[in-house]
């Protein structure tokens, strides 16, 4: 250990290398200082935005749902509660889900916006949504029908399984215009 200390103390110092290291060290400290200052200023801005967002959400949540308007989902809302408040019956929850492309009506998020159409439109959409049969028009496929009845064309396999369709040579299901198919719910 004494030998290694003598080697360290006996070493010549290269002042040019030392100044370069000192300058690089100072630049790194300045950059780190700027990053820390930026972090805290952005954090304060974000906290201010969150504060105003909560106030806005509270004022919007106090508005009751009404037909023909947009509605912001409040805490503890459900589609059936919203349907009851907007249309006087819970029966239109499926129509609200369909119009707003909600895949799982049991999961809605506070703060999301919903379109609440006029009563005539929601009645038509709900009737189409709860429909258990469907009359096929010319040019329709299970995919296009699934887009209409489920709001998602990728659910065409549900229709295929329920109706046991004949197959084309390429393996696609064959659907005839004018036929009535079952639409599982």
Protein backbone atom coordinates (compact mmCIF):
# COMPACT_ATOMS: atom_id res chain seq x y z
CA UNK A 1 0.00 0.00 0.00
CA UNK A 2 2.87 2.35 0.75
CA UNK A 3 4.32 1.68 -2.72
CA UNK A 4 1.03 2.50 -4.46
CA UNK A 5 0.73 5.75 -2.48
CA UNK A 6 4.26 6.75 -3.46
CA UNK A 7 3.43 6.06 -7.13
CA UNK A 8 0.29 8.22 -6.87
CA UNK A 9 2.05 11.10 -5.14
CA UNK A 10 5.08 10.87 -7.41
CA UNK A 11 2.98 11.11 -10.56
CA UNK A 12 3.21 14.25 -12.60
CA UNK A 13 -0.02 16.17 -13.08
CA UNK A 14 -0.96 17.02 -16.64
CA UNK A 15 -2.61 20.44 -16.12
CA UNK A 16 -4.08 20.54 -19.60
CA UNK A 17 -5.89 17.24 -18.99
CA UNK A 18 -7.06 18.49 -15.60
CA UNK A 19 -8.58 21.68 -17.06
CA UNK A 20 -10.39 19.69 -19.74
CA UNK A 21 -11.83 17.36 -17.12
CA UNK A 22 -12.84 20.34 -14.98
CA UNK A 23 -14.64 22.04 -17.91
CA UNK A 24 -16.43 18.81 -18.93
CA UNK A 25 -17.48 18.27 -15.31
CA UNK A 26 -18.86 21.82 -15.12
CA UNK A 27 -20.84 21.33 -18.36
CA UNK A 28 -22.35 18.11 -17.00
CA UNK A 29 -23.35 19.84 -13.75
CA UNK A 30 -24.99 22.70 -15.69
CA UNK A 31 -26.92 20.25 -17.92
CA UNK A 32 -28.11 18.26 -14.90
CA UNK A 33 -29.19 21.50 -13.23
CA UNK A 34 -31.22 22.49 -16.29
CA UNK A 35 -32.87 19.07 -16.45
CA UNK A 36 -33.86 19.22 -12.77
CA UNK A 37 -35.22 22.77 -13.18
CA UNK A 38 -37.19 21.69 -16.26
CA UNK A 39 -38.62 18.70 -14.38
CA UNK A 40 -39.90 20.85 -11.51
CA UNK A 41 -41.34 23.55 -13.79
CA UNK A 42 -43.18 20.92 -15.90
CA UNK A 43 -44.43 19.22 -12.75
CA UNK A 44 -45.89 22.52 -11.48
CA UNK A 45 -47.56 23.17 -14.85
CA UNK A 46 -49.04 19.67 -14.84
CA UNK A 47 -50.39 20.12 -11.30
CA UNK A 48 -52.03 23.38 -12.34
CA UNK A 49 -53.63 21.69 -15.37
CA UNK A 50 -54.89 18.84 -13.22
CA UNK A 51 -56.38 21.32 -10.79
CA UNK A 52 -58.37 23.09 -13.51
CA UNK A 53 -59.35 19.74 -15.06
CA UNK A 54 -60.94 18.61 -11.81
CA UNK A 55 -62.95 21.82 -11.55
CA UNK A 56 -64.16 21.48 -15.14
CA UNK A 57 -65.12 17.85 -14.59
CA UNK A 58 -67.11 18.70 -11.47
CA UNK A 59 -69.14 21.37 -13.23
CA UNK A 60 -69.84 19.08 -16.18
CA UNK A 61 -70.74 16.14 -13.96
CA UNK A 62 -73.48 18.20 -12.34
CA UNK A 63 -75.31 18.51 -15.68
CA UNK A 64 -77.95 15.84 -16.08
CA UNK A 65 -78.11 13.77 -19.26
CA UNK A 66 -80.65 14.88 -21.84
CA UNK A 67 -81.69 13.54 -25.22
CA UNK A 68 -80.07 15.21 -28.22
CA UNK A 69 -76.92 16.33 -26.40
CA UNK A 70 -73.49 15.18 -25.29
CA UNK A 71 -72.99 13.96 -21.73
CA UNK A 72 -69.83 13.55 -19.67
CA UNK A 73 -69.90 10.36 -17.61
CA UNK A 74 -69.89 11.08 -13.88
CA UNK A 75 -68.66 8.84 -11.09
CA UNK A 76 -70.98 5.88 -10.34
CA UNK A 77 -72.84 6.34 -13.65
CA UNK A 78 -74.02 3.37 -15.67
CA UNK A 79 -75.58 3.28 -19.12
CA UNK A 80 -78.92 2.26 -17.64
CA UNK A 81 -78.85 5.22 -15.18
CA UNK A 82 -77.98 7.59 -18.01
CA UNK A 83 -80.77 6.10 -20.15
CA UNK A 84 -83.24 6.55 -17.30
CA UNK A 85 -82.27 10.20 -16.78
CA UNK A 86 -82.23 11.10 -20.49
CA UNK A 87 -85.16 9.09 -21.83
CA UNK A 88 -87.24 8.13 -18.79
CA UNK A 89 -86.50 4.41 -19.13
CA UNK A 90 -83.49 2.15 -18.65
CA UNK A 91 -84.35 0.23 -21.82
CA UNK A 92 -82.13 2.30 -24.13
CA UNK A 93 -78.77 1.45 -22.55
CA UNK A 94 -77.93 -0.93 -25.43
CA UNK A 95 -78.65 1.78 -27.97
CA UNK A 96 -76.40 4.24 -26.11
CA UNK A 97 -73.62 1.62 -26.08
CA UNK A 98 -74.06 0.92 -29.79
CA UNK A 99 -74.12 4.59 -30.86
CA UNK A 100 -71.00 5.35 -28.81
CA UNK A 101 -69.12 2.19 -29.93
CA UNK A 102 -68.78 0.87 -26.39
CA UNK A 103 -67.54 -2.71 -26.64
CA UNK A 104 -68.36 -3.65 -23.04
CA UNK A 105 -71.36 -1.69 -21.68
CA UNK A 106 -70.41 -2.73 -18.15
CA UNK A 107 -67.19 -0.73 -18.35
CA UNK A 108 -67.49 3.02 -18.86
CA UNK A 109 -64.95 5.59 -17.71
CA UNK A 110 -65.63 8.69 -15.67
CA UNK A 111 -64.96 11.78 -17.78
CA UNK A 112 -65.63 10.12 -21.16
CA UNK A 113 -68.19 11.82 -23.38
CA UNK A 114 -71.31 10.11 -24.71
CA UNK A 115 -73.59 11.13 -27.55
CA UNK A 116 -77.21 10.98 -26.46
CA UNK A 117 -79.30 11.20 -29.64
CA UNK A 118 -82.94 12.23 -29.88
CA UNK A 119 -85.48 9.70 -28.66
CA UNK A 120 -86.52 8.57 -32.17
CA UNK A 121 -82.95 7.70 -33.13
CA UNK A 122 -82.22 5.86 -29.87
CA UNK A 123 -85.45 3.87 -30.25
CA UNK A 124 -84.45 2.80 -33.77
CA UNK A 125 -80.88 1.93 -32.73
CA UNK A 126 -82.06 0.00 -29.66
CA UNK A 127 -84.59 -1.96 -31.73
CA UNK A 128 -81.81 -2.87 -34.15
CA UNK A 129 -79.47 -3.76 -31.28
CA UNK A 130 -81.88 -6.05 -29.42
CA UNK A 131 -83.11 -7.63 -32.64
CA UNK A 132 -82.66 -11.40 -32.63
CA UNK A 133 -83.10 -11.89 -36.37
CA UNK A 134 -81.85 -9.95 -39.37
CA UNK A 135 -83.09 -9.81 -42.97
CA UNK A 136 -80.12 -9.97 -45.33
CA UNK A 137 -80.01 -7.40 -48.14
CA UNK A 138 -78.22 -7.79 -51.48
CA UNK A 139 -74.45 -7.46 -51.24
CA UNK A 140 -74.25 -7.99 -47.47
CA UNK A 141 -71.81 -10.34 -45.82
CA UNK A 142 -71.52 -11.55 -42.24
CA UNK A 143 -68.84 -8.91 -41.77
CA UNK A 144 -71.06 -6.00 -42.87
CA UNK A 145 -73.99 -7.38 -40.89
CA UNK A 146 -71.80 -7.71 -37.77
CA UNK A 147 -70.75 -4.06 -38.22
CA UNK A 148 -74.43 -3.05 -38.21
CA UNK A 149 -75.72 -5.21 -35.37
CA UNK A 150 -72.66 -5.40 -33.10
CA UNK A 151 -70.77 -2.30 -34.17
CA UNK A 152 -67.74 -4.50 -34.89
CA UNK A 153 -67.25 -6.41 -38.13
CA UNK A 154 -64.74 -8.77 -36.55
CA UNK A 155 -67.64 -10.43 -34.69
CA UNK A 156 -68.87 -12.00 -37.93
CA UNK A 157 -67.83 -15.42 -36.60
CA UNK A 158 -70.65 -15.21 -34.02
CA UNK A 159 -73.15 -14.94 -36.86
CA UNK A 160 -71.41 -17.71 -38.78
CA UNK A 161 -71.57 -20.12 -35.82
CA UNK A 162 -75.21 -19.28 -35.03
CA UNK A 163 -76.40 -19.79 -38.59
CA UNK A 164 -74.25 -22.65 -39.88
CA UNK A 165 -73.91 -21.09 -43.29
CA UNK A 166 -72.93 -22.93 -46.43
CA UNK A 167 -69.40 -22.29 -47.66
CA UNK A 168 -68.05 -20.93 -50.90
CA UNK A 169 -65.13 -22.79 -52.53
CA UNK A 170 -62.70 -20.31 -50.94
CA UNK A 171 -64.07 -21.14 -47.45
CA UNK A 172 -66.04 -17.92 -46.88
CA UNK A 173 -69.62 -18.27 -45.60
CA UNK A 174 -72.41 -17.97 -48.16
CA UNK A 175 -75.22 -15.57 -47.26
CA UNK A 176 -78.26 -15.12 -49.50
CA UNK A 177 -80.09 -11.83 -50.01
CA UNK A 178 -83.62 -12.09 -48.66
CA UNK A 179 -82.76 -14.73 -46.09
CA UNK A 180 -83.31 -14.22 -42.37
CA UNK A 181 -80.43 -15.02 -40.04
CA UNK A 182 -80.25 -15.39 -36.27
CA UNK A 183 -78.38 -12.68 -34.36
CA UNK A 184 -77.23 -13.94 -30.95
CA UNK A 185 -77.06 -11.45 -28.09
